[in-house]
Amino acid sequence: MADNARQPRGASAAAVKVRERYQHLFDGNGRRSQPMLHELGVEIQDFGTMRLLPIALGNDVRAQSCQALNRILADTQILYALYKKHHWLMRGLTFYQLHLLLDKHAEEQLEIIDLIAERVQTLGGVAVGDPRHVAEITTIPRPPDGAEEVAAMLSRLLEAHEIVIGAVRDAIDSTGQSGDAGTNDLLISDVLRPNELQVWFVAEHLVDQP
């Protein structure tokens, strides 16, 4: 290795040895066509820190927005995963309808995830993406690993929605006060309203029919 003094975060001894094994395939001018496998690197921006981008918002405002967005982002990724899990595990007389509905909602949540993450990056932050990191941040309770009854699965989705919506409403208030209009607009138009609509569609499946 060119620099053994500073090991990248998360670089195991085994990974370093693998990289060294491939080192002979390259000359000093990089003229070999062999892909440079097992490249290692150091973090260039820590999670929770901000880059300065010329969007006419102060560092404190952007940092506050990113903190709120990353919490919503983590919860939304869990909500997406719950939708996919329950889409797979759905059963009963309404299996087909719910199977399709939950998958549709999952795809919509996936779009929301991308919008939130890109807003964090636009503000100069680092979006939470690794599922193990998401699990550390989320406030949505972990479900059983197995299958629950249909009503319980739908109720769990509604509870997760309410957690997300509550955090979104708080963030709408704070970004409105701080002057972060871009984040405020995103949260209202692209996060709050779609979540409210999905709650309606899911909740109607838990109403006793006369």
C-alpha atoms as a PDB file:
ATOM      1  CA  MET A   1       0.000   0.000   0.000  1.00  0.00           C
ATOM      2  CA  ALA A   2       1.211   3.511  -0.750  1.00  0.00           C
ATOM      3  CA  ASP A   3       0.178   4.785   2.692  1.00  0.00           C
ATOM      4  CA  ASN A   4       0.057   2.271   5.506  1.00  0.00           C
ATOM      5  CA  ALA A   5       0.097   4.962   8.179  1.00  0.00           C
ATOM      6  CA  ARG A   6      -3.545   5.964   7.742  1.00  0.00           C
ATOM      7  CA  GLN A   7      -5.991   3.149   7.255  1.00  0.00           C
ATOM      8  CA  PRO A   8      -9.449   4.030   5.942  1.00  0.00           C
ATOM      9  CA  ARG A   9     -12.272   3.664   8.414  1.00  0.00           C
ATOM     10  CA  GLY A  10     -13.717   0.176   8.192  1.00  0.00           C
ATOM     11  CA  ALA A  11     -10.721  -1.249   6.296  1.00  0.00           C
ATOM     12  CA  SER A  12     -10.007  -4.708   7.656  1.00  0.00           C
ATOM     13  CA  ALA A  13      -6.602  -6.358   7.577  1.00  0.00           C
ATOM     14  CA  ALA A  14      -8.015  -8.846   5.071  1.00  0.00           C
ATOM     15  CA  ALA A  15      -9.145  -6.038   2.740  1.00  0.00           C
ATOM     16  CA  VAL A  16      -5.710  -4.420   2.909  1.00  0.00           C
ATOM     17  CA  LYS A  17      -4.054  -7.733   2.015  1.00  0.00           C
ATOM     18  CA  VAL A  18      -6.398  -8.192  -0.954  1.00  0.00           C
ATOM     19  CA  ARG A  19      -5.554  -4.701  -2.207  1.00  0.00           C
ATOM     20  CA  GLU A  20      -1.840  -5.401  -1.880  1.00  0.00           C
ATOM     21  CA  ARG A  21      -2.295  -8.627  -3.831  1.00  0.00           C
ATOM     22  CA  TYR A  22      -3.551  -6.633  -6.840  1.00  0.00           C
ATOM     23  CA  GLN A  23      -0.940  -3.876  -6.577  1.00  0.00           C
ATOM     24  CA  HIS A  24       1.496  -5.622  -8.945  1.00  0.00           C
ATOM     25  CA  LEU A  25      -1.014  -5.271 -11.799  1.00  0.00           C
ATOM     26  CA  PHE A  26      -0.426  -1.526 -12.026  1.00  0.00           C
ATOM     27  CA  ASP A  27       2.583   0.526 -13.066  1.00  0.00           C
ATOM     28  CA  GLY A  28       3.318   4.068 -11.966  1.00  0.00           C
ATOM     29  CA  ASN A  29       1.530   5.615 -14.943  1.00  0.00           C
ATOM     30  CA  GLY A  30      -1.657   3.561 -14.606  1.00  0.00           C
ATOM     31  CA  ARG A  31      -1.285   2.032 -18.080  1.00  0.00           C
ATOM     32  CA  ARG A  32      -2.753  -1.364 -17.170  1.00  0.00           C
ATOM     33  CA  SER A  33      -6.382  -2.081 -18.100  1.00  0.00           C
ATOM     34  CA  GLN A  34      -7.003  -4.194 -15.004  1.00  0.00           C
ATOM     35  CA  PRO A  35      -9.810  -2.634 -12.899  1.00  0.00           C
ATOM     36  CA  MET A  36      -8.497  -1.345  -9.587  1.00  0.00           C
ATOM     37  CA  LEU A  37     -10.439  -3.667  -7.317  1.00  0.00           C
ATOM     38  CA  HIS A  38     -10.868  -3.345  -3.566  1.00  0.00           C
ATOM     39  CA  GLU A  39     -10.029   0.361  -3.490  1.00  0.00           C
ATOM     40  CA  LEU A  40      -9.986   1.844   0.004  1.00  0.00           C
ATOM     41  CA  GLY A  41     -10.520   5.437   1.006  1.00  0.00           C
ATOM     42  CA  VAL A  42     -10.994   7.741   3.957  1.00  0.00           C
ATOM     43  CA  GLU A  43     -14.211   9.595   4.780  1.00  0.00           C
ATOM     44  CA  ILE A  44     -14.145  12.998   3.128  1.00  0.00           C
ATOM     45  CA  GLN A  45     -17.190  14.280   5.035  1.00  0.00           C
ATOM     46  CA  ASP A  46     -18.384  13.000   8.392  1.00  0.00           C
ATOM     47  CA  PHE A  47     -22.060  12.342   8.953  1.00  0.00           C
ATOM     48  CA  GLY A  48     -23.677  15.303  10.669  1.00  0.00           C
ATOM     49  CA  THR A  49     -21.263  17.860   9.221  1.00  0.00           C
ATOM     50  CA  MET A  50     -22.039  20.451   6.556  1.00  0.00           C
ATOM     51  CA  ARG A  51     -20.399  21.571   3.341  1.00  0.00           C
ATOM     52  CA  LEU A  52     -20.720  25.216   2.373  1.00  0.00           C
ATOM     53  CA  LEU A  53     -22.933  25.558  -0.698  1.00  0.00           C
ATOM     54  CA  PRO A  54     -23.970  28.968  -2.125  1.00  0.00           C
ATOM     55  CA  ILE A  55     -27.730  28.669  -1.565  1.00  0.00           C
ATOM     56  CA  ALA A  56     -28.097  31.747   0.665  1.00  0.00           C
ATOM     57  CA  LEU A  57     -28.854  29.796   3.840  1.00  0.00           C
ATOM     58  CA  GLY A  58     -26.741  29.938   6.975  1.00  0.00           C
ATOM     59  CA  ASN A  59     -24.857  26.918   8.296  1.00  0.00           C
ATOM     60  CA  ASP A  60     -27.033  26.591  11.408  1.00  0.00           C
ATOM     61  CA  VAL A  61     -30.245  26.658   9.379  1.00  0.00           C
ATOM     62  CA  ARG A  62     -28.982  24.044   6.956  1.00  0.00           C
ATOM     63  CA  ALA A  63     -27.663  21.836   9.751  1.00  0.00           C
ATOM     64  CA  GLN A  64     -31.010  21.989  11.578  1.00  0.00           C
ATOM     65  CA  SER A  65     -32.886  21.064   8.414  1.00  0.00           C
ATOM     66  CA  CYS A  66     -30.522  18.178   7.641  1.00  0.00           C
ATOM     67  CA  GLN A  67     -30.902  16.755  11.129  1.00  0.00           C
ATOM     68  CA  ALA A  68     -34.700  16.776  10.813  1.00  0.00           C
ATOM     69  CA  LEU A  69     -34.596  15.430   7.258  1.00  0.00           C
ATOM     70  CA  ASN A  70     -32.293  12.551   8.163  1.00  0.00           C
ATOM     71  CA  ARG A  71     -34.619  11.439  10.929  1.00  0.00           C
ATOM     72  CA  ILE A  72     -37.544  11.517   8.487  1.00  0.00           C
ATOM     73  CA  LEU A  73     -35.387   9.797   5.885  1.00  0.00           C
ATOM     74  CA  ALA A  74     -34.498   6.970   8.265  1.00  0.00           C
ATOM     75  CA  ASP A  75     -38.132   6.457   9.281  1.00  0.00           C
ATOM     76  CA  THR A  76     -39.247   6.586   5.649  1.00  0.00           C
ATOM     77  CA  GLN A  77     -36.756   3.898   4.698  1.00  0.00           C
ATOM     78  CA  ILE A  78     -38.172   1.700   7.451  1.00  0.00           C
ATOM     79  CA  LEU A  79     -41.718   2.468   6.280  1.00  0.00           C
ATOM     80  CA  TYR A  80     -40.709   1.465   2.747  1.00  0.00           C
ATOM     81  CA  ALA A  81     -39.258  -1.800   4.064  1.00  0.00           C
ATOM     82  CA  LEU A  82     -42.442  -2.503   6.038  1.00  0.00           C
ATOM     83  CA  TYR A  83     -44.526  -1.968   2.923  1.00  0.00           C
ATOM     84  CA  LYS A  84     -42.378  -4.425   0.960  1.00  0.00           C
ATOM     85  CA  LYS A  85     -42.436  -6.999   3.747  1.00  0.00           C
ATOM     86  CA  HIS A  86     -46.199  -6.797   4.162  1.00  0.00           C
ATOM     87  CA  HIS A  87     -46.648  -6.817   0.393  1.00  0.00           C
ATOM     88  CA  TRP A  88     -44.855 -10.165   0.325  1.00  0.00           C
ATOM     89  CA  LEU A  89     -46.594 -11.604   3.401  1.00  0.00           C
ATOM     90  CA  MET A  90     -50.149 -10.468   2.641  1.00  0.00           C
ATOM     91  CA  ARG A  91     -52.803 -13.191   2.664  1.00  0.00           C
ATOM     92  CA  GLY A  92     -56.545 -13.772   2.901  1.00  0.00           C
ATOM     93  CA  LEU A  93     -59.554 -12.950   0.715  1.00  0.00           C
ATOM     94  CA  THR A  94     -58.251  -9.484  -0.146  1.00  0.00           C
ATOM     95  CA  PHE A  95     -54.735 -10.716  -0.862  1.00  0.00           C
ATOM     96  CA  TYR A  96     -54.630  -9.571  -4.484  1.00  0.00           C
ATOM     97  CA  GLN A  97     -55.919  -6.060  -3.862  1.00  0.00           C
ATOM     98  CA  LEU A  98     -53.701  -5.449  -0.830  1.00  0.00           C
ATOM     99  CA  HIS A  99     -50.697  -7.107  -2.435  1.00  0.00           C
ATOM    100  CA  LEU A 100     -50.895  -4.592  -5.291  1.00  0.00           C
ATOM    101  CA  LEU A 101     -51.799  -1.611  -3.106  1.00  0.00           C
ATOM    102  CA  LEU A 102     -48.903  -2.106  -0.693  1.00  0.00           C
ATOM    103  CA  ASP A 103     -46.443  -2.483  -3.546  1.00  0.00           C
ATOM    104  CA  LYS A 104     -47.743   0.735  -5.110  1.00  0.00           C
ATOM    105  CA  HIS A 105     -47.297   2.541  -1.807  1.00  0.00           C
ATOM    106  CA  ALA A 106     -43.798   1.108  -1.457  1.00  0.00           C
ATOM    107  CA  GLU A 107     -42.794   2.514  -4.841  1.00  0.00           C
ATOM    108  CA  GLU A 108     -44.187   5.906  -3.846  1.00  0.00           C
ATOM    109  CA  GLN A 109     -42.222   5.803  -0.596  1.00  0.00           C
ATOM    110  CA  LEU A 110     -39.089   4.956  -2.580  1.00  0.00           C
ATOM    111  CA  GLU A 111     -39.564   8.153  -4.579  1.00  0.00           C
ATOM    112  CA  ILE A 112     -39.993  10.112  -1.339  1.00  0.00           C
ATOM    113  CA  ILE A 113     -36.767   8.597   0.015  1.00  0.00           C
ATOM    114  CA  ASP A 114     -34.850   9.824  -3.006  1.00  0.00           C
ATOM    115  CA  LEU A 115     -36.312  13.334  -2.765  1.00  0.00           C
ATOM    116  CA  ILE A 116     -35.463  13.658   0.932  1.00  0.00           C
ATOM    117  CA  ALA A 117     -31.934  12.319   0.471  1.00  0.00           C
ATOM    118  CA  GLU A 118     -31.255  14.679  -2.422  1.00  0.00           C
ATOM    119  CA  ARG A 119     -32.506  17.612  -0.337  1.00  0.00           C
ATOM    120  CA  VAL A 120     -30.031  16.702   2.412  1.00  0.00           C
ATOM    121  CA  GLN A 121     -27.243  16.692  -0.176  1.00  0.00           C
ATOM    122  CA  THR A 122     -28.480  19.984  -1.651  1.00  0.00           C
ATOM    123  CA  LEU A 123     -28.180  21.575   1.784  1.00  0.00           C
ATOM    124  CA  GLY A 124     -24.598  20.326   2.099  1.00  0.00           C
ATOM    125  CA  GLY A 125     -25.212  17.459   4.493  1.00  0.00           C
ATOM    126  CA  VAL A 126     -24.781  13.687   4.293  1.00  0.00           C
ATOM    127  CA  ALA A 127     -27.928  11.611   3.776  1.00  0.00           C
ATOM    128  CA  VAL A 128     -28.325   8.482   5.896  1.00  0.00           C
ATOM    129  CA  GLY A 129     -28.279   5.502   3.565  1.00  0.00           C
ATOM    130  CA  ASP A 130     -26.740   2.369   5.085  1.00  0.00           C
ATOM    131  CA  PRO A 131     -29.538   0.176   6.506  1.00  0.00           C
ATOM    132  CA  ARG A 132     -27.483  -0.451   9.651  1.00  0.00           C
ATOM    133  CA  HIS A 133     -27.173   3.304  10.184  1.00  0.00           C
ATOM    134  CA  VAL A 134     -30.878   3.730   9.458  1.00  0.00           C
ATOM    135  CA  ALA A 135     -31.655   1.180  12.187  1.00  0.00           C
ATOM    136  CA  GLU A 136     -29.717   3.301  14.701  1.00  0.00           C
ATOM    137  CA  ILE A 137     -31.653   6.470  13.856  1.00  0.00           C
ATOM    138  CA  THR A 138     -35.213   5.324  13.192  1.00  0.00           C
ATOM    139  CA  THR A 139     -37.936   5.820  15.786  1.00  0.00           C
ATOM    140  CA  ILE A 140     -40.296   3.243  14.250  1.00  0.00           C
ATOM    141  CA  PRO A 141     -40.545   0.103  16.427  1.00  0.00           C
ATOM    142  CA  ARG A 142     -39.136  -3.107  14.969  1.00  0.00           C
ATOM    143  CA  PRO A 143     -41.821  -5.603  13.932  1.00  0.00           C
ATOM    144  CA  PRO A 144     -41.643  -9.351  14.534  1.00  0.00           C
ATOM    145  CA  ASP A 145     -39.429 -11.186  12.072  1.00  0.00           C
ATOM    146  CA  GLY A 146     -42.295 -13.470  11.118  1.00  0.00           C
ATOM    147  CA  ALA A 147     -45.737 -12.853   9.636  1.00  0.00           C
ATOM    148  CA  GLU A 148     -48.498 -11.129  11.595  1.00  0.00           C
ATOM    149  CA  GLU A 149     -52.241 -11.185  11.035  1.00  0.00           C
ATOM    150  CA  VAL A 150     -53.409  -8.958   8.186  1.00  0.00           C
ATOM    151  CA  ALA A 151     -55.057  -6.394  10.469  1.00  0.00           C
ATOM    152  CA  ALA A 152     -51.904  -6.183  12.576  1.00  0.00           C
ATOM    153  CA  MET A 153     -49.739  -5.614   9.493  1.00  0.00           C
ATOM    154  CA  LEU A 154     -51.995  -2.827   8.278  1.00  0.00           C
ATOM    155  CA  SER A 155     -52.152  -1.253  11.742  1.00  0.00           C
ATOM    156  CA  ARG A 156     -48.360  -1.349  11.936  1.00  0.00           C
ATOM    157  CA  LEU A 157     -48.172   0.559   8.649  1.00  0.00           C
ATOM    158  CA  LEU A 158     -50.570   3.209   9.959  1.00  0.00           C
ATOM    159  CA  GLU A 159     -48.540   3.603  13.153  1.00  0.00           C
ATOM    160  CA  ALA A 160     -45.355   4.029  11.118  1.00  0.00           C
ATOM    161  CA  HIS A 161     -47.080   6.606   8.928  1.00  0.00           C
ATOM    162  CA  GLU A 162     -48.171   8.566  11.981  1.00  0.00           C
ATOM    163  CA  ILE A 163     -44.604   8.643  13.310  1.00  0.00           C
ATOM    164  CA  VAL A 164     -43.356   9.941   9.968  1.00  0.00           C
ATOM    165  CA  ILE A 165     -46.170  12.476   9.665  1.00  0.00           C
ATOM    166  CA  GLY A 166     -45.573  13.765  13.180  1.00  0.00           C
ATOM    167  CA  ALA A 167     -41.879  14.342  12.447  1.00  0.00           C
ATOM    168  CA  VAL A 168     -42.758  15.959   9.119  1.00  0.00           C
ATOM    169  CA  ARG A 169     -45.194  18.398  10.761  1.00  0.00           C
ATOM    170  CA  ASP A 170     -42.528  19.380  13.316  1.00  0.00           C
ATOM    171  CA  ALA A 171     -40.007  19.908  10.516  1.00  0.00           C
ATOM    172  CA  ILE A 172     -42.513  21.978   8.527  1.00  0.00           C
ATOM    173  CA  ASP A 173     -42.905  24.297  11.514  1.00  0.00           C
ATOM    174  CA  SER A 174     -39.153  24.596  12.121  1.00  0.00           C
ATOM    175  CA  THR A 175     -38.204  25.152   8.478  1.00  0.00           C
ATOM    176  CA  GLY A 176     -40.969  27.725   8.139  1.00  0.00           C
ATOM    177  CA  GLN A 177     -39.537  29.638  11.069  1.00  0.00           C
ATOM    178  CA  SER A 178     -35.910  29.320   9.899  1.00  0.00           C
ATOM    179  CA  GLY A 179     -36.626  30.473   6.336  1.00  0.00           C
ATOM    180  CA  ASP A 180     -35.646  27.196   4.629  1.00  0.00           C
ATOM    181  CA  ALA A 181     -38.414  27.504   2.051  1.00  0.00           C
ATOM    182  CA  GLY A 182     -37.055  24.751  -0.205  1.00  0.00           C
ATOM    183  CA  THR A 183     -37.172  22.126   2.524  1.00  0.00           C
ATOM    184  CA  ASN A 184     -40.511  23.444   3.748  1.00  0.00           C
ATOM    185  CA  ASP A 185     -42.065  23.107   0.296  1.00  0.00           C
ATOM    186  CA  LEU A 186     -40.639  19.607  -0.169  1.00  0.00           C
ATOM    187  CA  LEU A 187     -42.006  18.419   3.158  1.00  0.00           C
ATOM    188  CA  ILE A 188     -45.497  19.760   2.508  1.00  0.00           C
ATOM    189  CA  SER A 189     -45.914  18.828  -1.138  1.00  0.00           C
ATOM    190  CA  ASP A 190     -43.814  15.673  -1.545  1.00  0.00           C
ATOM    191  CA  VAL A 191     -43.795  14.072   1.900  1.00  0.00           C
ATOM    192  CA  LEU A 192     -46.796  15.111   3.999  1.00  0.00           C
ATOM    193  CA  ARG A 193     -49.542  14.943   1.390  1.00  0.00           C
ATOM    194  CA  PRO A 194     -48.564  11.563  -0.110  1.00  0.00           C
ATOM    195  CA  ASN A 195     -48.283  10.055   3.387  1.00  0.00           C
ATOM    196  CA  GLU A 196     -51.701  11.376   4.369  1.00  0.00           C
ATOM    197  CA  LEU A 197     -53.213   9.929   1.197  1.00  0.00           C
ATOM    198  CA  GLN A 198     -51.621   6.531   1.808  1.00  0.00           C
ATOM    199  CA  VAL A 199     -52.974   6.517   5.366  1.00  0.00           C
ATOM    200  CA  TRP A 200     -56.486   6.971   3.997  1.00  0.00           C
ATOM    201  CA  PHE A 201     -56.121   4.095   1.523  1.00  0.00           C
ATOM    202  CA  VAL A 202     -54.735   1.701   4.147  1.00  0.00           C
ATOM    203  CA  ALA A 203     -57.081   2.730   6.972  1.00  0.00           C
ATOM    204  CA  GLU A 204     -60.197   1.995   4.901  1.00  0.00           C
ATOM    205  CA  HIS A 205     -59.185  -1.669   4.825  1.00  0.00           C
ATOM    206  CA  LEU A 206     -59.550  -1.830   8.621  1.00  0.00           C
ATOM    207  CA  VAL A 207     -63.165  -0.609   8.724  1.00  0.00           C
ATOM    208  CA  ASP A 208     -65.815  -3.195   9.647  1.00  0.00           C
ATOM    209  CA  GLN A 209     -68.136  -3.622   6.707  1.00  0.00           C
ATOM    210  CA  PRO A 210     -71.884  -3.455   7.530  1.00  0.00           C
END
